[in-house]
N, C-alpha and C. Protein backbone atom coordinates (compact mmCIF):
# COMPACT_ATOMS: atom_id res chain seq x y z
N UNK A 1 15.15 6.42 -2.73
CA UNK A 1 14.72 5.94 -4.15
C UNK A 1 13.36 6.83 -4.52
N UNK A 2 13.43 7.02 -5.76
CA UNK A 2 12.33 7.83 -6.36
C UNK A 2 10.96 7.01 -6.45
N UNK A 3 9.91 7.32 -6.07
CA UNK A 3 8.65 6.51 -6.44
C UNK A 3 8.10 6.76 -7.69
N UNK A 4 7.68 5.74 -8.48
CA UNK A 4 7.19 5.80 -9.82
C UNK A 4 5.97 4.89 -10.02
N UNK A 5 4.91 5.39 -10.81
CA UNK A 5 3.80 4.60 -11.04
C UNK A 5 4.52 3.64 -12.11
N UNK A 6 3.25 2.54 -12.45
CA UNK A 6 3.62 1.63 -13.62
C UNK A 6 3.81 2.38 -14.94
N UNK A 7 3.08 3.35 -15.14
CA UNK A 7 2.83 4.16 -16.19
C UNK A 7 4.28 4.80 -16.50
N UNK A 8 4.70 5.52 -15.62
CA UNK A 8 6.04 6.14 -15.66
C UNK A 8 7.00 5.36 -15.79
N UNK A 9 7.23 4.12 -15.23
CA UNK A 9 8.18 3.15 -15.38
C UNK A 9 8.12 2.53 -16.72
N UNK A 10 7.15 2.50 -17.35
CA UNK A 10 7.03 1.99 -18.53
C UNK A 10 7.50 2.84 -19.70
N UNK A 11 7.32 4.27 -19.46
CA UNK A 11 8.06 5.35 -20.21
C UNK A 11 9.53 5.13 -20.20
N UNK A 12 10.20 4.85 -19.02
CA UNK A 12 11.40 4.84 -18.94
C UNK A 12 12.10 3.41 -19.70
N UNK A 13 11.30 2.45 -19.50
CA UNK A 13 11.75 1.32 -20.28
C UNK A 13 11.76 1.63 -21.69
N UNK A 14 10.73 2.24 -22.28
CA UNK A 14 10.58 2.51 -23.85
C UNK A 14 11.92 3.40 -24.33
N UNK A 15 12.27 4.17 -23.26
CA UNK A 15 13.39 5.25 -23.59
C UNK A 15 14.77 4.45 -23.57
N UNK A 16 14.64 3.23 -23.03
CA UNK A 16 15.95 2.30 -22.91
C UNK A 16 15.88 1.18 -23.96
N UNK A 17 15.03 1.29 -24.89
CA UNK A 17 14.89 0.22 -26.05
C UNK A 17 14.12 -0.83 -25.87
N UNK A 18 13.08 -0.79 -24.74
CA UNK A 18 12.09 -2.03 -24.46
C UNK A 18 11.08 -1.74 -25.16
N UNK A 19 10.49 -2.69 -25.78
CA UNK A 19 9.05 -2.52 -26.52
C UNK A 19 7.98 -3.41 -25.97
N UNK A 20 6.78 -2.69 -26.14
CA UNK A 20 5.61 -3.33 -25.70
C UNK A 20 5.07 -4.52 -26.36
N UNK A 21 5.12 -5.64 -25.82
CA UNK A 21 4.81 -7.05 -26.84
C UNK A 21 3.41 -7.36 -26.71
N UNK A 22 2.85 -7.13 -25.49
CA UNK A 22 1.34 -7.40 -25.43
C UNK A 22 0.87 -6.92 -24.17
N UNK A 23 -0.58 -6.79 -23.80
CA UNK A 23 -1.23 -6.30 -22.70
C UNK A 23 -2.14 -7.52 -22.23
N UNK A 24 -1.95 -8.04 -20.94
CA UNK A 24 -2.82 -8.86 -20.27
C UNK A 24 -3.51 -8.21 -19.15
N UNK A 25 -4.62 -7.76 -19.13
CA UNK A 25 -5.18 -6.95 -18.12
C UNK A 25 -4.64 -5.77 -17.96
N UNK A 26 -4.26 -5.67 -16.69
CA UNK A 26 -3.63 -4.40 -16.24
C UNK A 26 -2.04 -4.50 -16.26
N UNK A 27 -1.45 -5.43 -16.71
CA UNK A 27 -0.02 -5.80 -16.98
C UNK A 27 0.34 -5.50 -18.36
N UNK A 28 1.38 -4.79 -18.56
CA UNK A 28 1.82 -4.40 -19.81
C UNK A 28 3.15 -5.39 -19.91
N UNK A 29 3.41 -6.26 -20.86
CA UNK A 29 4.48 -7.18 -21.01
C UNK A 29 5.48 -6.47 -21.94
N UNK A 30 6.75 -6.20 -21.42
CA UNK A 30 7.82 -5.71 -22.26
C UNK A 30 8.85 -6.81 -22.66
N UNK A 31 9.53 -6.37 -23.64
CA UNK A 31 10.60 -7.22 -24.31
C UNK A 31 11.72 -6.55 -24.93
N UNK A 32 12.94 -7.08 -25.18
CA UNK A 32 13.94 -6.17 -25.85
C UNK A 32 14.61 -7.35 -26.50
N UNK A 33 15.10 -6.76 -27.90
CA UNK A 33 15.85 -7.75 -28.89
C UNK A 33 17.12 -8.09 -28.24
N UNK A 34 17.43 -9.22 -28.28
CA UNK A 34 18.60 -9.71 -27.79
C UNK A 34 18.75 -10.17 -26.39
N UNK A 35 17.68 -10.01 -25.64
CA UNK A 35 17.72 -10.33 -24.23
C UNK A 35 16.50 -11.38 -24.06
N UNK A 36 16.63 -12.19 -23.35
CA UNK A 36 15.72 -13.26 -23.11
C UNK A 36 14.81 -13.03 -21.86
N UNK A 37 14.54 -11.78 -21.48
CA UNK A 37 13.85 -11.45 -20.51
C UNK A 37 12.49 -10.75 -20.59
N UNK A 38 11.39 -11.08 -20.14
CA UNK A 38 10.14 -10.40 -20.26
C UNK A 38 9.86 -9.67 -18.91
N UNK A 39 9.52 -8.15 -19.00
CA UNK A 39 9.12 -7.55 -17.67
C UNK A 39 7.44 -7.37 -17.92
N UNK A 40 7.03 -7.81 -16.83
CA UNK A 40 5.49 -7.39 -16.56
C UNK A 40 5.37 -6.19 -15.86
N UNK A 41 5.06 -5.10 -16.39
CA UNK A 41 4.75 -4.05 -15.64
C UNK A 41 3.46 -3.80 -15.15
N UNK A 42 3.03 -3.63 -13.96
CA UNK A 42 1.58 -3.65 -13.39
C UNK A 42 1.22 -2.03 -13.75
N UNK A 43 0.07 -1.82 -14.44
CA UNK A 43 -0.37 -0.42 -14.69
C UNK A 43 -1.73 -0.22 -13.86
N UNK A 44 -1.58 0.38 -12.92
CA UNK A 44 -2.90 0.51 -11.87
C UNK A 44 -2.95 1.93 -11.71
N UNK A 45 -3.42 2.64 -12.87
CA UNK A 45 -3.49 4.25 -12.75
C UNK A 45 -2.35 4.84 -12.35
N UNK A 46 -2.07 5.81 -11.48
CA UNK A 46 -1.01 6.61 -11.06
C UNK A 46 -0.64 6.30 -9.67
N UNK A 47 -0.90 4.73 -9.34
CA UNK A 47 -0.64 4.33 -7.89
C UNK A 47 0.75 3.82 -8.13
N UNK A 48 1.65 4.31 -6.96
CA UNK A 48 3.02 3.97 -7.27
C UNK A 48 3.33 2.65 -7.06
N UNK A 49 4.57 2.22 -7.58
CA UNK A 49 4.87 0.76 -7.36
C UNK A 49 5.57 0.47 -6.14
N UNK A 50 5.58 -0.42 -5.45
CA UNK A 50 6.26 -0.85 -4.34
C UNK A 50 7.66 -0.80 -4.68
N UNK A 51 8.56 -0.41 -3.55
CA UNK A 51 10.01 -0.10 -3.77
C UNK A 51 10.64 -1.34 -4.18
N UNK A 52 10.34 -2.27 -3.50
CA UNK A 52 10.86 -3.71 -3.81
C UNK A 52 10.84 -4.25 -5.37
N UNK A 53 9.65 -4.18 -5.66
CA UNK A 53 9.12 -4.55 -7.17
C UNK A 53 9.85 -3.65 -8.20
N UNK A 54 9.89 -2.36 -7.74
CA UNK A 54 10.50 -1.27 -8.79
C UNK A 54 12.04 -1.42 -8.76
N UNK A 55 12.64 -1.82 -7.76
CA UNK A 55 14.06 -2.09 -7.36
C UNK A 55 14.30 -3.53 -8.39
N UNK A 56 13.59 -4.40 -8.26
CA UNK A 56 13.76 -5.81 -9.03
C UNK A 56 13.65 -5.60 -10.53
N UNK A 57 12.59 -4.84 -10.96
CA UNK A 57 12.53 -4.52 -12.29
C UNK A 57 13.76 -3.66 -12.93
N UNK A 58 14.03 -2.83 -12.23
CA UNK A 58 15.25 -1.89 -12.63
C UNK A 58 16.47 -2.69 -12.71
N UNK A 59 16.62 -3.58 -11.88
CA UNK A 59 17.74 -4.54 -12.18
C UNK A 59 17.79 -5.55 -13.28
N UNK A 60 16.55 -6.07 -13.47
CA UNK A 60 16.37 -6.87 -14.68
C UNK A 60 16.51 -6.27 -16.00
N UNK A 61 15.99 -4.82 -15.94
CA UNK A 61 15.99 -4.21 -17.18
C UNK A 61 17.13 -3.41 -17.35
N UNK A 62 18.04 -3.39 -16.45
CA UNK A 62 19.49 -2.92 -16.54
C UNK A 62 19.37 -1.27 -16.47
N UNK A 63 18.43 -0.80 -15.74
CA UNK A 63 18.24 0.58 -15.52
C UNK A 63 18.87 1.05 -14.20
N UNK A 64 19.49 2.16 -14.10
CA UNK A 64 20.11 2.60 -12.91
C UNK A 64 19.02 3.65 -12.22
N UNK A 65 19.29 4.13 -10.95
CA UNK A 65 18.60 5.06 -10.39
C UNK A 65 18.73 6.47 -11.15
N UNK A 66 19.85 6.84 -11.68
CA UNK A 66 20.09 7.85 -12.36
C UNK A 66 19.31 8.16 -13.69
N UNK A 67 18.95 6.91 -14.17
CA UNK A 67 18.23 6.93 -15.53
C UNK A 67 16.52 7.36 -15.37
N UNK A 68 16.17 7.15 -14.02
CA UNK A 68 14.87 7.63 -13.65
C UNK A 68 14.76 9.06 -13.80
């Protein structure tokens, strides 16, 4: 699996229709119209996200590995 930082994953979410709702500290909260899920993306500079967290957020966001 490709390693991504929080900033890079946020850009992928925005390309797939997710929009930034608010920012709480270092976490950006994303939502999508018609979906009752909120994704909290940790933005810690260019530090890569852990593989398990990235995989879980991809599953919730409906994003496949090919979309990265």
